[in-house]
Protein backbone atom coordinates (compact mmCIF):
# COMPACT_ATOMS: atom_id res chain seq x y z
CA UNK A 1 0.00 0.00 0.00
CA UNK A 2 2.82 2.38 0.87
CA UNK A 3 4.55 1.65 -2.48
CA UNK A 4 1.32 2.44 -4.32
CA UNK A 5 1.01 5.80 -2.54
CA UNK A 6 4.62 6.72 -3.35
CA UNK A 7 4.07 5.71 -6.98
CA UNK A 8 0.93 7.86 -7.27
CA UNK A 9 2.62 10.90 -5.72
CA UNK A 10 5.61 10.48 -8.04
CA UNK A 11 3.37 10.29 -11.11
CA UNK A 12 1.43 13.38 -10.02
CA UNK A 13 4.62 15.39 -9.51
CA UNK A 14 6.04 14.26 -12.83
CA UNK A 15 2.90 15.27 -14.69
CA UNK A 16 2.99 18.74 -13.12
CA UNK A 17 6.65 19.36 -13.90
CA UNK A 18 6.01 20.76 -17.37
CA UNK A 19 2.80 21.88 -19.01
CA UNK A 20 1.74 20.41 -22.36
CA UNK A 21 2.56 23.61 -24.27
CA UNK A 22 6.15 23.70 -23.00
CA UNK A 23 7.93 21.07 -24.99
CA UNK A 24 11.64 20.93 -25.65
CA UNK A 25 12.56 19.31 -28.91
CA UNK A 26 12.01 19.73 -32.63
CA UNK A 27 11.61 23.34 -33.56
CA UNK A 28 13.81 24.76 -30.81
CA UNK A 29 17.42 25.77 -31.15
CA UNK A 30 19.50 22.83 -29.91
CA UNK A 31 22.19 24.95 -28.26
CA UNK A 32 19.68 26.43 -25.81
CA UNK A 33 18.63 24.31 -22.86
CA UNK A 34 15.71 26.47 -21.71
CA UNK A 35 12.19 25.16 -22.13
CA UNK A 36 10.20 27.10 -24.69
CA UNK A 37 6.78 26.92 -26.26
CA UNK A 38 6.71 25.00 -29.54
CA UNK A 39 3.77 25.40 -31.90
CA UNK A 40 2.47 22.46 -33.87
CA UNK A 41 1.83 24.87 -36.76
CA UNK A 42 4.32 25.89 -39.40
CA UNK A 43 4.85 29.55 -40.20
CA UNK A 44 3.28 30.65 -43.49
CA UNK A 45 5.62 30.18 -46.45
CA UNK A 46 5.38 33.90 -47.28
CA UNK A 47 6.68 34.73 -43.79
CA UNK A 48 9.51 32.19 -44.02
CA UNK A 49 10.56 33.43 -47.47
CA UNK A 50 10.44 37.08 -46.38
CA UNK A 51 12.61 36.40 -43.33
CA UNK A 52 15.12 34.19 -45.20
CA UNK A 53 15.45 36.70 -48.05
CA UNK A 54 15.74 39.66 -45.68
CA UNK A 55 18.38 37.98 -43.50
CA UNK A 56 20.43 36.86 -46.52
CA UNK A 57 20.23 40.33 -48.09
CA UNK A 58 21.27 42.03 -44.85
CA UNK A 59 24.22 39.67 -44.36
CA UNK A 60 25.25 40.28 -47.99
CA UNK A 61 24.95 44.08 -47.88
CA UNK A 62 26.49 44.70 -44.45
CA UNK A 63 29.74 42.76 -44.44
CA UNK A 64 31.68 41.96 -42.34
CA UNK A 65 30.79 39.57 -40.88
CA UNK A 66 30.61 37.21 -43.82
CA UNK A 67 28.83 34.02 -42.70
CA UNK A 68 30.21 30.75 -44.05
CA UNK A 69 27.82 28.43 -42.16
CA UNK A 70 24.51 28.62 -40.33
CA UNK A 71 22.96 26.40 -37.69
CA UNK A 72 19.71 26.18 -35.73
CA UNK A 73 17.90 28.69 -37.96
CA UNK A 74 14.27 28.76 -36.80
CA UNK A 75 11.17 30.88 -37.22
CA UNK A 76 9.26 32.05 -34.17
CA UNK A 77 6.83 34.67 -33.02
CA UNK A 78 6.74 36.94 -30.00
CA UNK A 79 4.04 39.25 -28.62
CA UNK A 80 4.48 42.91 -29.51
CA UNK A 81 2.91 46.04 -28.04
CA UNK A 82 -0.76 46.57 -28.85
CA UNK A 83 -1.62 42.88 -28.93
CA UNK A 84 0.23 42.28 -32.19
CA UNK A 85 2.64 39.45 -32.92
CA UNK A 86 6.05 39.75 -34.55
CA UNK A 87 7.60 36.92 -36.52
CA UNK A 88 11.36 36.52 -36.55
CA UNK A 89 14.17 34.32 -37.80
CA UNK A 90 16.76 33.29 -35.23
CA UNK A 91 19.92 31.25 -35.61
CA UNK A 92 23.68 31.23 -35.40
CA UNK A 93 26.41 31.72 -37.97
CA UNK A 94 30.12 31.07 -38.18
CA UNK A 95 32.58 32.90 -40.40
CA UNK A 96 34.74 29.77 -40.55
CA UNK A 97 33.80 27.33 -43.34
CA UNK A 98 34.71 24.25 -41.26
CA UNK A 99 35.77 23.10 -37.82
CA UNK A 100 34.04 22.19 -34.61
CA UNK A 101 35.92 24.83 -32.62
CA UNK A 102 34.81 27.72 -34.84
CA UNK A 103 32.97 30.44 -32.90
CA UNK A 104 29.23 30.80 -33.45
CA UNK A 105 27.41 34.14 -33.29
CA UNK A 106 23.69 34.63 -32.67
CA UNK A 107 21.55 36.63 -35.08
CA UNK A 108 17.88 37.52 -35.31
CA UNK A 109 15.89 39.09 -38.14
CA UNK A 110 12.59 40.53 -36.91
CA UNK A 111 9.71 41.40 -39.20
CA UNK A 112 8.85 45.00 -38.31
CA UNK A 113 8.44 47.83 -40.81
CA UNK A 114 10.09 46.35 -42.79
CA UNK A 115 12.65 44.54 -40.56
CA UNK A 116 15.40 44.69 -37.94
CA UNK A 117 18.54 42.54 -38.07
CA UNK A 118 20.55 42.05 -34.89
CA UNK A 119 23.85 40.24 -34.45
CA UNK A 120 25.57 39.17 -31.24
CA UNK A 121 24.48 40.12 -27.73
CA UNK A 122 21.21 41.80 -28.75
CA UNK A 123 20.19 38.69 -30.68
CA UNK A 124 21.16 36.46 -27.75
CA UNK A 125 19.02 38.49 -25.35
CA UNK A 126 16.08 38.60 -27.74
CA UNK A 127 16.21 34.82 -28.11
CA UNK A 128 15.89 34.34 -24.33
CA UNK A 129 12.44 35.98 -24.22
CA UNK A 130 10.16 33.47 -22.44
CA UNK A 131 7.15 34.63 -24.49
CA UNK A 132 8.61 33.22 -27.74
CA UNK A 133 6.67 30.54 -29.59
CA UNK A 134 8.68 28.55 -32.14
CA UNK A 135 6.96 27.45 -35.33
CA UNK A 136 7.25 23.83 -36.45
CA UNK A 137 9.12 24.60 -39.68
CA UNK A 138 12.31 22.91 -38.52
CA UNK A 139 15.87 24.01 -39.19
CA UNK A 140 16.08 26.48 -42.10
CA UNK A 141 19.89 26.74 -42.14
CA UNK A 142 20.30 25.32 -45.64
CA UNK A 143 17.61 27.62 -47.06
CA UNK A 144 19.32 30.69 -45.61
CA UNK A 145 22.72 29.52 -46.88
CA UNK A 146 21.29 28.99 -50.39
CA UNK A 147 19.76 32.49 -50.44
CA UNK A 148 23.02 34.08 -49.27
CA UNK A 149 25.10 32.09 -51.78
CA UNK A 150 22.77 33.21 -54.59
CA UNK A 151 23.56 36.85 -53.76
CA UNK A 152 27.35 36.38 -53.88
C-alpha atoms as a PDB file:
ATOM      1  CA  UNK A   1       0.000   0.000   0.000  1.00  0.00           C
ATOM      2  CA  UNK A   2       2.825   2.379   0.866  1.00  0.00           C
ATOM      3  CA  UNK A   3       4.546   1.649  -2.476  1.00  0.00           C
ATOM      4  CA  UNK A   4       1.321   2.437  -4.318  1.00  0.00           C
ATOM      5  CA  UNK A   5       1.011   5.802  -2.541  1.00  0.00           C
ATOM      6  CA  UNK A   6       4.621   6.716  -3.354  1.00  0.00           C
ATOM      7  CA  UNK A   7       4.073   5.712  -6.980  1.00  0.00           C
ATOM      8  CA  UNK A   8       0.931   7.863  -7.273  1.00  0.00           C
ATOM      9  CA  UNK A   9       2.624  10.895  -5.717  1.00  0.00           C
ATOM     10  CA  UNK A  10       5.610  10.480  -8.040  1.00  0.00           C
ATOM     11  CA  UNK A  11       3.367  10.286 -11.106  1.00  0.00           C
ATOM     12  CA  UNK A  12       1.428  13.382 -10.025  1.00  0.00           C
ATOM     13  CA  UNK A  13       4.616  15.394  -9.507  1.00  0.00           C
ATOM     14  CA  UNK A  14       6.038  14.256 -12.826  1.00  0.00           C
ATOM     15  CA  UNK A  15       2.898  15.265 -14.688  1.00  0.00           C
ATOM     16  CA  UNK A  16       2.991  18.743 -13.121  1.00  0.00           C
ATOM     17  CA  UNK A  17       6.654  19.355 -13.899  1.00  0.00           C
ATOM     18  CA  UNK A  18       6.014  20.756 -17.367  1.00  0.00           C
ATOM     19  CA  UNK A  19       2.801  21.880 -19.008  1.00  0.00           C
ATOM     20  CA  UNK A  20       1.738  20.408 -22.358  1.00  0.00           C
ATOM     21  CA  UNK A  21       2.562  23.607 -24.267  1.00  0.00           C
ATOM     22  CA  UNK A  22       6.152  23.698 -22.996  1.00  0.00           C
ATOM     23  CA  UNK A  23       7.926  21.070 -24.988  1.00  0.00           C
ATOM     24  CA  UNK A  24      11.638  20.929 -25.649  1.00  0.00           C
ATOM     25  CA  UNK A  25      12.562  19.308 -28.905  1.00  0.00           C
ATOM     26  CA  UNK A  26      12.010  19.730 -32.631  1.00  0.00           C
ATOM     27  CA  UNK A  27      11.613  23.337 -33.565  1.00  0.00           C
ATOM     28  CA  UNK A  28      13.812  24.758 -30.811  1.00  0.00           C
ATOM     29  CA  UNK A  29      17.423  25.767 -31.148  1.00  0.00           C
ATOM     30  CA  UNK A  30      19.502  22.829 -29.907  1.00  0.00           C
ATOM     31  CA  UNK A  31      22.194  24.952 -28.260  1.00  0.00           C
ATOM     32  CA  UNK A  32      19.684  26.428 -25.809  1.00  0.00           C
ATOM     33  CA  UNK A  33      18.629  24.313 -22.858  1.00  0.00           C
ATOM     34  CA  UNK A  34      15.713  26.472 -21.708  1.00  0.00           C
ATOM     35  CA  UNK A  35      12.187  25.156 -22.132  1.00  0.00           C
ATOM     36  CA  UNK A  36      10.197  27.103 -24.690  1.00  0.00           C
ATOM     37  CA  UNK A  37       6.778  26.917 -26.263  1.00  0.00           C
ATOM     38  CA  UNK A  38       6.710  25.002 -29.543  1.00  0.00           C
ATOM     39  CA  UNK A  39       3.768  25.404 -31.895  1.00  0.00           C
ATOM     40  CA  UNK A  40       2.473  22.460 -33.869  1.00  0.00           C
ATOM     41  CA  UNK A  41       1.825  24.874 -36.758  1.00  0.00           C
ATOM     42  CA  UNK A  42       4.322  25.889 -39.404  1.00  0.00           C
ATOM     43  CA  UNK A  43       4.847  29.554 -40.197  1.00  0.00           C
ATOM     44  CA  UNK A  44       3.277  30.650 -43.494  1.00  0.00           C
ATOM     45  CA  UNK A  45       5.624  30.184 -46.452  1.00  0.00           C
ATOM     46  CA  UNK A  46       5.384  33.900 -47.280  1.00  0.00           C
ATOM     47  CA  UNK A  47       6.682  34.730 -43.786  1.00  0.00           C
ATOM     48  CA  UNK A  48       9.505  32.190 -44.024  1.00  0.00           C
ATOM     49  CA  UNK A  49      10.557  33.427 -47.469  1.00  0.00           C
ATOM     50  CA  UNK A  50      10.438  37.080 -46.380  1.00  0.00           C
ATOM     51  CA  UNK A  51      12.614  36.399 -43.334  1.00  0.00           C
ATOM     52  CA  UNK A  52      15.117  34.189 -45.201  1.00  0.00           C
ATOM     53  CA  UNK A  53      15.450  36.705 -48.047  1.00  0.00           C
ATOM     54  CA  UNK A  54      15.737  39.659 -45.677  1.00  0.00           C
ATOM     55  CA  UNK A  55      18.377  37.980 -43.500  1.00  0.00           C
ATOM     56  CA  UNK A  56      20.426  36.863 -46.519  1.00  0.00           C
ATOM     57  CA  UNK A  57      20.230  40.325 -48.086  1.00  0.00           C
ATOM     58  CA  UNK A  58      21.270  42.030 -44.851  1.00  0.00           C
ATOM     59  CA  UNK A  59      24.224  39.674 -44.363  1.00  0.00           C
ATOM     60  CA  UNK A  60      25.252  40.280 -47.985  1.00  0.00           C
ATOM     61  CA  UNK A  61      24.955  44.075 -47.882  1.00  0.00           C
ATOM     62  CA  UNK A  62      26.495  44.700 -44.450  1.00  0.00           C
ATOM     63  CA  UNK A  63      29.741  42.756 -44.436  1.00  0.00           C
ATOM     64  CA  UNK A  64      31.684  41.955 -42.337  1.00  0.00           C
ATOM     65  CA  UNK A  65      30.787  39.566 -40.877  1.00  0.00           C
ATOM     66  CA  UNK A  66      30.613  37.207 -43.822  1.00  0.00           C
ATOM     67  CA  UNK A  67      28.835  34.019 -42.698  1.00  0.00           C
ATOM     68  CA  UNK A  68      30.208  30.754 -44.049  1.00  0.00           C
ATOM     69  CA  UNK A  69      27.825  28.432 -42.156  1.00  0.00           C
ATOM     70  CA  UNK A  70      24.514  28.619 -40.328  1.00  0.00           C
ATOM     71  CA  UNK A  71      22.958  26.401 -37.686  1.00  0.00           C
ATOM     72  CA  UNK A  72      19.705  26.175 -35.726  1.00  0.00           C
ATOM     73  CA  UNK A  73      17.901  28.687 -37.957  1.00  0.00           C
ATOM     74  CA  UNK A  74      14.275  28.756 -36.805  1.00  0.00           C
ATOM     75  CA  UNK A  75      11.173  30.882 -37.216  1.00  0.00           C
ATOM     76  CA  UNK A  76       9.261  32.054 -34.173  1.00  0.00           C
ATOM     77  CA  UNK A  77       6.832  34.670 -33.017  1.00  0.00           C
ATOM     78  CA  UNK A  78       6.737  36.938 -30.001  1.00  0.00           C
ATOM     79  CA  UNK A  79       4.036  39.252 -28.616  1.00  0.00           C
ATOM     80  CA  UNK A  80       4.482  42.908 -29.513  1.00  0.00           C
ATOM     81  CA  UNK A  81       2.906  46.041 -28.044  1.00  0.00           C
ATOM     82  CA  UNK A  82      -0.759  46.570 -28.853  1.00  0.00           C
ATOM     83  CA  UNK A  83      -1.617  42.876 -28.927  1.00  0.00           C
ATOM     84  CA  UNK A  84       0.227  42.275 -32.188  1.00  0.00           C
ATOM     85  CA  UNK A  85       2.639  39.448 -32.923  1.00  0.00           C
ATOM     86  CA  UNK A  86       6.048  39.746 -34.554  1.00  0.00           C
ATOM     87  CA  UNK A  87       7.602  36.920 -36.521  1.00  0.00           C
ATOM     88  CA  UNK A  88      11.356  36.517 -36.548  1.00  0.00           C
ATOM     89  CA  UNK A  89      14.168  34.317 -37.803  1.00  0.00           C
ATOM     90  CA  UNK A  90      16.763  33.290 -35.235  1.00  0.00           C
ATOM     91  CA  UNK A  91      19.923  31.250 -35.607  1.00  0.00           C
ATOM     92  CA  UNK A  92      23.681  31.227 -35.402  1.00  0.00           C
ATOM     93  CA  UNK A  93      26.415  31.725 -37.975  1.00  0.00           C
ATOM     94  CA  UNK A  94      30.123  31.073 -38.184  1.00  0.00           C
ATOM     95  CA  UNK A  95      32.576  32.897 -40.401  1.00  0.00           C
ATOM     96  CA  UNK A  96      34.743  29.773 -40.549  1.00  0.00           C
ATOM     97  CA  UNK A  97      33.804  27.333 -43.336  1.00  0.00           C
ATOM     98  CA  UNK A  98      34.711  24.251 -41.262  1.00  0.00           C
ATOM     99  CA  UNK A  99      35.766  23.105 -37.820  1.00  0.00           C
ATOM    100  CA  UNK A 100      34.044  22.190 -34.609  1.00  0.00           C
ATOM    101  CA  UNK A 101      35.921  24.833 -32.617  1.00  0.00           C
ATOM    102  CA  UNK A 102      34.813  27.724 -34.842  1.00  0.00           C
ATOM    103  CA  UNK A 103      32.974  30.438 -32.903  1.00  0.00           C
ATOM    104  CA  UNK A 104      29.230  30.802 -33.450  1.00  0.00           C
ATOM    105  CA  UNK A 105      27.411  34.140 -33.290  1.00  0.00           C
ATOM    106  CA  UNK A 106      23.686  34.629 -32.665  1.00  0.00           C
ATOM    107  CA  UNK A 107      21.549  36.634 -35.076  1.00  0.00           C
ATOM    108  CA  UNK A 108      17.881  37.523 -35.306  1.00  0.00           C
ATOM    109  CA  UNK A 109      15.893  39.093 -38.142  1.00  0.00           C
ATOM    110  CA  UNK A 110      12.595  40.532 -36.912  1.00  0.00           C
ATOM    111  CA  UNK A 111       9.706  41.404 -39.203  1.00  0.00           C
ATOM    112  CA  UNK A 112       8.849  45.002 -38.307  1.00  0.00           C
ATOM    113  CA  UNK A 113       8.438  47.834 -40.812  1.00  0.00           C
ATOM    114  CA  UNK A 114      10.092  46.348 -42.795  1.00  0.00           C
ATOM    115  CA  UNK A 115      12.652  44.536 -40.565  1.00  0.00           C
ATOM    116  CA  UNK A 116      15.403  44.688 -37.940  1.00  0.00           C
ATOM    117  CA  UNK A 117      18.536  42.541 -38.072  1.00  0.00           C
ATOM    118  CA  UNK A 118      20.549  42.055 -34.891  1.00  0.00           C
ATOM    119  CA  UNK A 119      23.852  40.244 -34.452  1.00  0.00           C
ATOM    120  CA  UNK A 120      25.574  39.174 -31.239  1.00  0.00           C
ATOM    121  CA  UNK A 121      24.483  40.118 -27.728  1.00  0.00           C
ATOM    122  CA  UNK A 122      21.209  41.797 -28.747  1.00  0.00           C
ATOM    123  CA  UNK A 123      20.186  38.685 -30.679  1.00  0.00           C
ATOM    124  CA  UNK A 124      21.158  36.457 -27.751  1.00  0.00           C
ATOM    125  CA  UNK A 125      19.024  38.487 -25.346  1.00  0.00           C
ATOM    126  CA  UNK A 126      16.076  38.596 -27.744  1.00  0.00           C
ATOM    127  CA  UNK A 127      16.212  34.815 -28.111  1.00  0.00           C
ATOM    128  CA  UNK A 128      15.887  34.343 -24.328  1.00  0.00           C
ATOM    129  CA  UNK A 129      12.445  35.979 -24.223  1.00  0.00           C
ATOM    130  CA  UNK A 130      10.164  33.469 -22.436  1.00  0.00           C
ATOM    131  CA  UNK A 131       7.150  34.626 -24.492  1.00  0.00           C
ATOM    132  CA  UNK A 132       8.607  33.220 -27.739  1.00  0.00           C
ATOM    133  CA  UNK A 133       6.673  30.544 -29.585  1.00  0.00           C
ATOM    134  CA  UNK A 134       8.676  28.548 -32.137  1.00  0.00           C
ATOM    135  CA  UNK A 135       6.957  27.447 -35.328  1.00  0.00           C
ATOM    136  CA  UNK A 136       7.248  23.833 -36.446  1.00  0.00           C
ATOM    137  CA  UNK A 137       9.124  24.602 -39.685  1.00  0.00           C
ATOM    138  CA  UNK A 138      12.308  22.911 -38.518  1.00  0.00           C
ATOM    139  CA  UNK A 139      15.873  24.013 -39.191  1.00  0.00           C
ATOM    140  CA  UNK A 140      16.080  26.481 -42.095  1.00  0.00           C
ATOM    141  CA  UNK A 141      19.891  26.745 -42.138  1.00  0.00           C
ATOM    142  CA  UNK A 142      20.305  25.318 -45.635  1.00  0.00           C
ATOM    143  CA  UNK A 143      17.611  27.618 -47.058  1.00  0.00           C
ATOM    144  CA  UNK A 144      19.324  30.687 -45.612  1.00  0.00           C
ATOM    145  CA  UNK A 145      22.722  29.520 -46.884  1.00  0.00           C
ATOM    146  CA  UNK A 146      21.287  28.988 -50.389  1.00  0.00           C
ATOM    147  CA  UNK A 147      19.760  32.485 -50.442  1.00  0.00           C
ATOM    148  CA  UNK A 148      23.017  34.076 -49.266  1.00  0.00           C
ATOM    149  CA  UNK A 149      25.099  32.094 -51.784  1.00  0.00           C
ATOM    150  CA  UNK A 150      22.769  33.209 -54.586  1.00  0.00           C
ATOM    151  CA  UNK A 151      23.563  36.852 -53.760  1.00  0.00           C
ATOM    152  CA  UNK A 152      27.348  36.385 -53.880  1.00  0.00           C
END
